[in-house]
PDB file of all heavy atoms in Angstrom:
ATOM      1  N   ALA A   1      74.071 -37.679  32.323  1.00  0.00           N
ATOM      2  CA  ALA A   1      73.591 -36.770  31.285  1.00  0.00           C
ATOM      3  C   ALA A   1      72.077 -36.666  31.300  1.00  0.00           C
ATOM      4  O   ALA A   1      71.497 -35.583  31.167  1.00  0.00           O
ATOM      5  CB  ALA A   1      74.112 -37.200  29.937  1.00  0.00           C
ATOM      6  N   ARG A   2      71.423 -37.809  31.441  1.00  0.00           N
ATOM      7  CA  ARG A   2      69.928 -37.839  31.508  1.00  0.00           C
ATOM      8  C   ARG A   2      69.472 -37.041  32.725  1.00  0.00           C
ATOM      9  O   ARG A   2      68.495 -36.300  32.700  1.00  0.00           O
ATOM     10  CB  ARG A   2      69.436 -39.246  31.571  1.00  0.00           C
ATOM     11  CG  ARG A   2      69.591 -40.030  30.275  1.00  0.00           C
ATOM     12  CD  ARG A   2      69.097 -41.452  30.424  1.00  0.00           C
ATOM     13  NE  ARG A   2      69.302 -42.253  29.210  1.00  0.00           N
ATOM     14  CZ  ARG A   2      68.493 -42.228  28.146  1.00  0.00           C
ATOM     15  NH1 ARG A   2      67.395 -41.475  28.186  1.00  0.00           N
ATOM     16  NH2 ARG A   2      68.780 -42.968  27.103  1.00  0.00           N
ATOM     17  N   ARG A   3      70.192 -37.223  33.866  1.00  0.00           N
ATOM     18  CA  ARG A   3      69.820 -36.525  35.099  1.00  0.00           C
ATOM     19  C   ARG A   3      69.968 -35.016  34.919  1.00  0.00           C
ATOM     20  O   ARG A   3      69.074 -34.251  35.328  1.00  0.00           O
ATOM     21  CB  ARG A   3      70.715 -37.041  36.214  1.00  0.00           C
ATOM     22  CG  ARG A   3      70.434 -36.418  37.561  1.00  0.00           C
ATOM     23  CD  ARG A   3      71.332 -37.054  38.611  1.00  0.00           C
ATOM     24  NE  ARG A   3      71.273 -36.372  39.874  1.00  0.00           N
ATOM     25  CZ  ARG A   3      72.030 -36.678  40.937  1.00  0.00           C
ATOM     26  NH1 ARG A   3      72.883 -37.702  40.858  1.00  0.00           N
ATOM     27  NH2 ARG A   3      71.919 -35.998  42.066  1.00  0.00           N
ATOM     28  N   ALA A   4      71.051 -34.576  34.294  1.00  0.00           N
ATOM     29  CA  ALA A   4      71.260 -33.152  34.091  1.00  0.00           C
ATOM     30  C   ALA A   4      70.206 -32.565  33.150  1.00  0.00           C
ATOM     31  O   ALA A   4      69.666 -31.474  33.366  1.00  0.00           O
ATOM     32  CB  ALA A   4      72.632 -32.908  33.509  1.00  0.00           C
ATOM     33  N   ALA A   5      69.906 -33.320  32.089  1.00  0.00           N
ATOM     34  CA  ALA A   5      68.901 -32.852  31.116  1.00  0.00           C
ATOM     35  C   ALA A   5      67.521 -32.647  31.838  1.00  0.00           C
ATOM     36  O   ALA A   5      66.838 -31.673  31.600  1.00  0.00           O
ATOM     37  CB  ALA A   5      68.748 -33.835  29.971  1.00  0.00           C
ATOM     38  N   LYS A   6      67.209 -33.586  32.723  1.00  0.00           N
ATOM     39  CA  LYS A   6      65.958 -33.500  33.483  1.00  0.00           C
ATOM     40  C   LYS A   6      65.932 -32.260  34.339  1.00  0.00           C
ATOM     41  O   LYS A   6      64.929 -31.547  34.429  1.00  0.00           O
ATOM     42  CB  LYS A   6      65.760 -34.760  34.343  1.00  0.00           C
ATOM     43  CG  LYS A   6      64.401 -34.825  35.003  1.00  0.00           C
ATOM     44  CD  LYS A   6      64.254 -36.176  35.705  1.00  0.00           C
ATOM     45  CE  LYS A   6      62.889 -36.311  36.356  1.00  0.00           C
ATOM     46  NZ  LYS A   6      62.717 -37.604  37.059  1.00  0.00           N
ATOM     47  N   GLU A   7      67.084 -31.934  34.996  1.00  0.00           N
ATOM     48  CA  GLU A   7      67.158 -30.727  35.832  1.00  0.00           C
ATOM     49  C   GLU A   7      67.020 -29.471  34.969  1.00  0.00           C
ATOM     50  O   GLU A   7      66.546 -28.435  35.440  1.00  0.00           O
ATOM     51  CB  GLU A   7      68.484 -30.697  36.581  1.00  0.00           C
ATOM     52  CG  GLU A   7      68.552 -31.627  37.781  1.00  0.00           C
ATOM     53  CD  GLU A   7      69.617 -31.250  38.743  1.00  0.00           C
ATOM     54  OE1 GLU A   7      69.796 -30.030  39.025  1.00  0.00           O
ATOM     55  OE2 GLU A   7      70.280 -32.181  39.274  1.00  0.00           O
ATOM     56  N   LEU A   8      67.465 -29.556  33.697  1.00  0.00           N
ATOM     57  CA  LEU A   8      67.327 -28.423  32.810  1.00  0.00           C
ATOM     58  C   LEU A   8      65.906 -28.298  32.206  1.00  0.00           C
ATOM     59  O   LEU A   8      65.613 -27.371  31.495  1.00  0.00           O
ATOM     60  CB  LEU A   8      68.343 -28.570  31.643  1.00  0.00           C
ATOM     61  CG  LEU A   8      69.800 -28.399  32.014  1.00  0.00           C
ATOM     62  CD1 LEU A   8      70.696 -28.894  30.878  1.00  0.00           C
ATOM     63  CD2 LEU A   8      70.149 -26.944  32.346  1.00  0.00           C
ATOM     64  N   GLY A   9      65.083 -29.287  32.496  1.00  0.00           N
ATOM     65  CA  GLY A   9      63.728 -29.283  31.932  1.00  0.00           C
ATOM     66  C   GLY A   9      63.687 -29.747  30.506  1.00  0.00           C
ATOM     67  O   GLY A   9      62.806 -29.384  29.760  1.00  0.00           O
ATOM     68  N   LYS A  10      64.667 -30.515  30.107  1.00  0.00           N
ATOM     69  CA  LYS A  10      64.761 -31.007  28.718  1.00  0.00           C
ATOM     70  C   LYS A  10      64.837 -32.519  28.704  1.00  0.00           C
ATOM     71  O   LYS A  10      65.111 -33.180  29.680  1.00  0.00           O
ATOM     72  CB  LYS A  10      66.054 -30.464  28.038  1.00  0.00           C
ATOM     73  CG  LYS A  10      66.093 -28.986  27.841  1.00  0.00           C
ATOM     74  CD  LYS A  10      67.344 -28.655  27.018  1.00  0.00           C
ATOM     75  CE  LYS A  10      67.315 -27.195  26.552  1.00  0.00           C
ATOM     76  NZ  LYS A  10      68.351 -26.902  25.559  1.00  0.00           N
ATOM     77  N   LYS A  11      64.624 -33.080  27.530  1.00  0.00           N
ATOM     78  CA  LYS A  11      64.935 -34.458  27.277  1.00  0.00           C
ATOM     79  C   LYS A  11      66.433 -34.593  26.954  1.00  0.00           C
ATOM     80  O   LYS A  11      67.021 -33.637  26.417  1.00  0.00           O
ATOM     81  CB  LYS A  11      64.122 -35.027  26.089  1.00  0.00           C
ATOM     82  CG  LYS A  11      62.645 -35.116  26.357  1.00  0.00           C
ATOM     83  CD  LYS A  11      61.895 -35.722  25.149  1.00  0.00           C
ATOM     84  CE  LYS A  11      60.405 -35.806  25.386  1.00  0.00           C
ATOM     85  NZ  LYS A  11      59.699 -36.361  24.214  1.00  0.00           N
ATOM     86  N   TYR A  12      67.008 -35.701  27.310  1.00  0.00           N
ATOM     87  CA  TYR A  12      68.403 -35.967  26.961  1.00  0.00           C
ATOM     88  C   TYR A  12      68.622 -35.774  25.460  1.00  0.00           C
ATOM     89  O   TYR A  12      69.655 -35.219  25.033  1.00  0.00           O
ATOM     90  CB  TYR A  12      68.791 -37.350  27.441  1.00  0.00           C
ATOM     91  CG  TYR A  12      70.199 -37.813  27.006  1.00  0.00           C
ATOM     92  CD1 TYR A  12      71.305 -37.005  27.215  1.00  0.00           C
ATOM     93  CD2 TYR A  12      70.366 -39.066  26.424  1.00  0.00           C
ATOM     94  CE1 TYR A  12      72.599 -37.435  26.840  1.00  0.00           C
ATOM     95  CE2 TYR A  12      71.627 -39.488  26.066  1.00  0.00           C
ATOM     96  CZ  TYR A  12      72.742 -38.701  26.273  1.00  0.00           C
ATOM     97  OH  TYR A  12      73.984 -39.116  25.890  1.00  0.00           O
ATOM     98  N   GLU A  13      67.673 -36.246  24.689  1.00  0.00           N
ATOM     99  CA  GLU A  13      67.789 -36.212  23.211  1.00  0.00           C
ATOM    100  C   GLU A  13      67.671 -34.785  22.680  1.00  0.00           C
ATOM    101  O   GLU A  13      67.838 -34.560  21.435  1.00  0.00           O
ATOM    102  CB  GLU A  13      66.729 -37.113  22.583  1.00  0.00           C
ATOM    103  CG  GLU A  13      66.935 -38.591  22.852  1.00  0.00           C
ATOM    104  CD  GLU A  13      66.547 -39.045  24.262  1.00  0.00           C
ATOM    105  OE1 GLU A  13      65.854 -38.250  24.954  1.00  0.00           O
ATOM    106  OE2 GLU A  13      66.953 -40.128  24.652  1.00  0.00           O
ATOM    107  N   GLU A  14      67.382 -33.810  23.525  1.00  0.00           N
ATOM    108  CA  GLU A  14      67.282 -32.417  23.109  1.00  0.00           C
ATOM    109  C   GLU A  14      68.467 -31.591  23.665  1.00  0.00           C
ATOM    110  O   GLU A  14      68.494 -30.352  23.438  1.00  0.00           O
ATOM    111  CB  GLU A  14      65.963 -31.815  23.614  1.00  0.00           C
ATOM    112  CG  GLU A  14      64.736 -32.496  23.106  1.00  0.00           C
ATOM    113  CD  GLU A  14      63.453 -32.019  23.813  1.00  0.00           C
ATOM    114  OE1 GLU A  14      63.551 -31.447  24.914  1.00  0.00           O
ATOM    115  OE2 GLU A  14      62.365 -32.217  23.275  1.00  0.00           O
ATOM    116  N   SER A  15      69.388 -32.223  24.346  1.00  0.00           N
ATOM    117  CA  SER A  15      70.384 -31.481  25.092  1.00  0.00           C
ATOM    118  C   SER A  15      71.773 -31.502  24.459  1.00  0.00           C
ATOM    119  O   SER A  15      72.119 -32.446  23.713  1.00  0.00           O
ATOM    120  CB  SER A  15      70.473 -32.068  26.535  1.00  0.00           C
ATOM    121  OG  SER A  15      69.201 -32.013  27.193  1.00  0.00           O
ATOM    122  N   ARG A  16      72.563 -30.500  24.829  1.00  0.00           N
ATOM    123  CA  ARG A  16      73.951 -30.384  24.405  1.00  0.00           C
ATOM    124  C   ARG A  16      74.788 -30.277  25.698  1.00  0.00           C
ATOM    125  O   ARG A  16      74.749 -29.258  26.405  1.00  0.00           O
ATOM    126  CB  ARG A  16      74.172 -29.126  23.525  1.00  0.00           C
ATOM    127  CG  ARG A  16      73.238 -29.071  22.331  1.00  0.00           C
ATOM    128  CD  ARG A  16      73.268 -27.718  21.661  1.00  0.00           C
ATOM    129  NE  ARG A  16      74.544 -27.447  21.023  1.00  0.00           N
ATOM    130  CZ  ARG A  16      74.810 -27.617  19.733  1.00  0.00           C
ATOM    131  NH1 ARG A  16      73.877 -28.123  18.942  1.00  0.00           N
ATOM    132  NH2 ARG A  16      75.982 -27.332  19.239  1.00  0.00           N
ATOM    133  N   LEU A  17      75.519 -31.335  26.003  1.00  0.00           N
ATOM    134  CA  LEU A  17      76.183 -31.451  27.316  1.00  0.00           C
ATOM    135  C   LEU A  17      77.648 -31.891  27.138  1.00  0.00           C
ATOM    136  O   LEU A  17      77.968 -32.623  26.185  1.00  0.00           O
ATOM    137  CB  LEU A  17      75.454 -32.485  28.183  1.00  0.00           C
ATOM    138  CG  LEU A  17      73.940 -32.308  28.387  1.00  0.00           C
ATOM    139  CD1 LEU A  17      73.311 -33.584  28.900  1.00  0.00           C
ATOM    140  CD2 LEU A  17      73.674 -31.135  29.332  1.00  0.00           C
ATOM    141  N   VAL A  18      78.484 -31.487  28.095  1.00  0.00           N
ATOM    142  CA  VAL A  18      79.798 -32.056  28.218  1.00  0.00           C
ATOM    143  C   VAL A  18      79.857 -32.747  29.570  1.00  0.00           C
ATOM    144  O   VAL A  18      79.546 -32.150  30.585  1.00  0.00           O
ATOM    145  CB  VAL A  18      80.904 -31.003  28.135  1.00  0.00           C
ATOM    146  CG1 VAL A  18      82.272 -31.596  28.392  1.00  0.00           C
ATOM    147  CG2 VAL A  18      80.898 -30.311  26.787  1.00  0.00           C
ATOM    148  N   VAL A  19      80.224 -34.037  29.557  1.00  0.00           N
ATOM    149  CA  VAL A  19      80.244 -34.836  30.792  1.00  0.00           C
ATOM    150  C   VAL A  19      81.676 -35.293  31.049  1.00  0.00           C
ATOM    151  O   VAL A  19      82.323 -35.869  30.169  1.00  0.00           O
ATOM    152  CB  VAL A  19      79.318 -36.048  30.701  1.00  0.00           C
ATOM    153  CG1 VAL A  19      79.345 -36.856  31.991  1.00  0.00           C
ATOM    154  CG2 VAL A  19      77.904 -35.637  30.360  1.00  0.00           C
ATOM    155  N   ALA A  20      82.161 -35.036  32.278  1.00  0.00           N
ATOM    156  CA  ALA A  20      83.479 -35.455  32.700  1.00  0.00           C
ATOM    157  C   ALA A  20      83.364 -36.497  33.833  1.00  0.00           C
ATOM    158  O   ALA A  20      82.858 -36.151  34.909  1.00  0.00           O
ATOM    159  CB  ALA A  20      84.313 -34.275  33.171  1.00  0.00           C
ATOM    160  N   HIS A  21      83.761 -37.706  33.541  1.00  0.00           N
ATOM    161  CA  HIS A  21      83.752 -38.770  34.547  1.00  0.00           C
ATOM    162  C   HIS A  21      85.185 -38.858  35.152  1.00  0.00           C
ATOM    163  O   HIS A  21      86.149 -39.143  34.426  1.00  0.00           O
ATOM    164  CB  HIS A  21      83.355 -40.109  33.925  1.00  0.00           C
ATOM    165  CG  HIS A  21      83.449 -41.265  34.864  1.00  0.00           C
ATOM    166  ND1 HIS A  21      82.355 -41.871  35.430  1.00  0.00           N
ATOM    167  CD2 HIS A  21      84.527 -41.938  35.339  1.00  0.00           C
ATOM    168  CE1 HIS A  21      82.750 -42.851  36.231  1.00  0.00           C
ATOM    169  NE2 HIS A  21      84.075 -42.905  36.187  1.00  0.00           N
ATOM    170  N   LEU A  22      85.264 -38.659  36.435  1.00  0.00           N
ATOM    171  CA  LEU A  22      86.566 -38.617  37.115  1.00  0.00           C
ATOM    172  C   LEU A  22      86.678 -39.803  38.033  1.00  0.00           C
ATOM    173  O   LEU A  22      86.065 -39.817  39.152  1.00  0.00           O
ATOM    174  CB  LEU A  22      86.695 -37.308  37.924  1.00  0.00           C
ATOM    175  CG  LEU A  22      86.288 -36.014  37.204  1.00  0.00           C
ATOM    176  CD1 LEU A  22      86.448 -34.830  38.151  1.00  0.00           C
ATOM    177  CD2 LEU A  22      87.120 -35.827  35.909  1.00  0.00           C
ATOM    178  N   GLY A  23      87.464 -40.811  37.663  1.00  0.00           N
ATOM    179  CA  GLY A  23      87.683 -41.965  38.504  1.00  0.00           C
ATOM    180  C   GLY A  23      89.131 -42.421  38.340  1.00  0.00           C
ATOM    181  O   GLY A  23      90.017 -41.603  38.115  1.00  0.00           O
ATOM    182  N   GLY A  24      89.372 -43.740  38.475  1.00  0.00           N
ATOM    183  CA  GLY A  24      90.714 -44.259  38.220  1.00  0.00           C
ATOM    184  C   GLY A  24      91.174 -43.931  36.812  1.00  0.00           C
ATOM    185  O   GLY A  24      92.338 -43.673  36.535  1.00  0.00           O
ATOM    186  N   GLY A  25      90.195 -43.930  35.875  1.00  0.00           N
ATOM    187  CA  GLY A  25      90.378 -43.382  34.517  1.00  0.00           C
ATOM    188  C   GLY A  25      89.471 -42.169  34.387  1.00  0.00           C
ATOM    189  O   GLY A  25      88.482 -42.051  35.100  1.00  0.00           O
ATOM    190  N   ILE A  26      89.794 -41.315  33.472  1.00  0.00           N
ATOM    191  CA  ILE A  26      89.000 -40.080  33.289  1.00  0.00           C
ATOM    192  C   ILE A  26      88.543 -40.043  31.823  1.00  0.00           C
ATOM    193  O   ILE A  26      89.358 -40.219  30.892  1.00  0.00           O
ATOM    194  CB  ILE A  26      89.822 -38.815  33.595  1.00  0.00           C
ATOM    195  CG1 ILE A  26      90.070 -38.721  35.114  1.00  0.00           C
ATOM    196  CG2 ILE A  26      89.120 -37.549  33.095  1.00  0.00           C
ATOM    197  CD1 ILE A  26      90.949 -37.591  35.548  1.00  0.00           C
ATOM    198  N   SER A  27      87.200 -39.847  31.620  1.00  0.00           N
ATOM    199  CA  SER A  27      86.699 -39.699  30.280  1.00  0.00           C
ATOM    200  C   SER A  27      85.857 -38.409  30.233  1.00  0.00           C
ATOM    201  O   SER A  27      85.122 -38.090  31.156  1.00  0.00           O
ATOM    202  CB  SER A  27      85.860 -40.898  29.846  1.00  0.00           C
ATOM    203  OG  SER A  27      84.704 -41.052  30.700  1.00  0.00           O
ATOM    204  N   VAL A  28      86.017 -37.685  29.125  1.00  0.00           N
ATOM    205  CA  VAL A  28      85.251 -36.436  28.891  1.00  0.00           C
ATOM    206  C   VAL A  28      84.566 -36.598  27.541  1.00  0.00           C
ATOM    207  O   VAL A  28      85.229 -36.866  26.526  1.00  0.00           O
ATOM    208  CB  VAL A  28      86.149 -35.204  28.918  1.00  0.00           C
ATOM    209  CG1 VAL A  28      85.329 -33.920  28.736  1.00  0.00           C
ATOM    210  CG2 VAL A  28      86.971 -35.136  30.209  1.00  0.00           C
ATOM    211  N   GLY A  29      83.211 -36.450  27.535  1.00  0.00           N
ATOM    212  CA  GLY A  29      82.496 -36.640  26.312  1.00  0.00           C
ATOM    213  C   GLY A  29      81.599 -35.523  25.934  1.00  0.00           C
ATOM    214  O   GLY A  29      81.090 -34.782  26.794  1.00  0.00           O
ATOM    215  N   ALA A  30      81.447 -35.279  24.636  1.00  0.00           N
ATOM    216  CA  ALA A  30      80.525 -34.301  24.098  1.00  0.00           C
ATOM    217  C   ALA A  30      79.199 -35.002  23.742  1.00  0.00           C
ATOM    218  O   ALA A  30      79.196 -35.841  22.826  1.00  0.00           O
ATOM    219  CB  ALA A  30      81.140 -33.608  22.881  1.00  0.00           C
ATOM    220  N   HIS A  31      78.140 -34.668  24.411  1.00  0.00           N
ATOM    221  CA  HIS A  31      76.825 -35.289  24.206  1.00  0.00           C
ATOM    222  C   HIS A  31      75.951 -34.349  23.393  1.00  0.00           C
ATOM    223  O   HIS A  31      75.573 -33.278  23.854  1.00  0.00           O
ATOM    224  CB  HIS A  31      76.139 -35.576  25.542  1.00  0.00           C
ATOM    225  CG  HIS A  31      76.861 -36.586  26.390  1.00  0.00           C
ATOM    226  ND1 HIS A  31      76.239 -37.727  26.870  1.00  0.00           N
ATOM    227  CD2 HIS A  31      78.116 -36.613  26.897  1.00  0.00           C
ATOM    228  CE1 HIS A  31      77.109 -38.431  27.608  1.00  0.00           C
ATOM    229  NE2 HIS A  31      78.234 -37.753  27.640  1.00  0.00           N
ATOM    230  N   LEU A  32      75.633 -34.756  22.172  1.00  0.00           N
ATOM    231  CA  LEU A  32      74.813 -33.932  21.300  1.00  0.00           C
ATOM    232  C   LEU A  32      73.510 -34.656  20.978  1.00  0.00           C
ATOM    233  O   LEU A  32      73.529 -35.695  20.253  1.00  0.00           O
ATOM    234  CB  LEU A  32      75.578 -33.640  19.999  1.00  0.00           C
ATOM    235  CG  LEU A  32      74.838 -32.813  18.957  1.00  0.00           C
ATOM    236  CD1 LEU A  32      74.512 -31.399  19.503  1.00  0.00           C
ATOM    237  CD2 LEU A  32      75.643 -32.685  17.676  1.00  0.00           C
TER     238      LEU A  32
END
């Protein structure tokens, strides 16, 4: 999420993101 925010030219603390981690388990989170 921090990496994506940086690519967007924002701070993570200023971003609204949905992150999907796909592994043996899958988690999807709303980052506000």
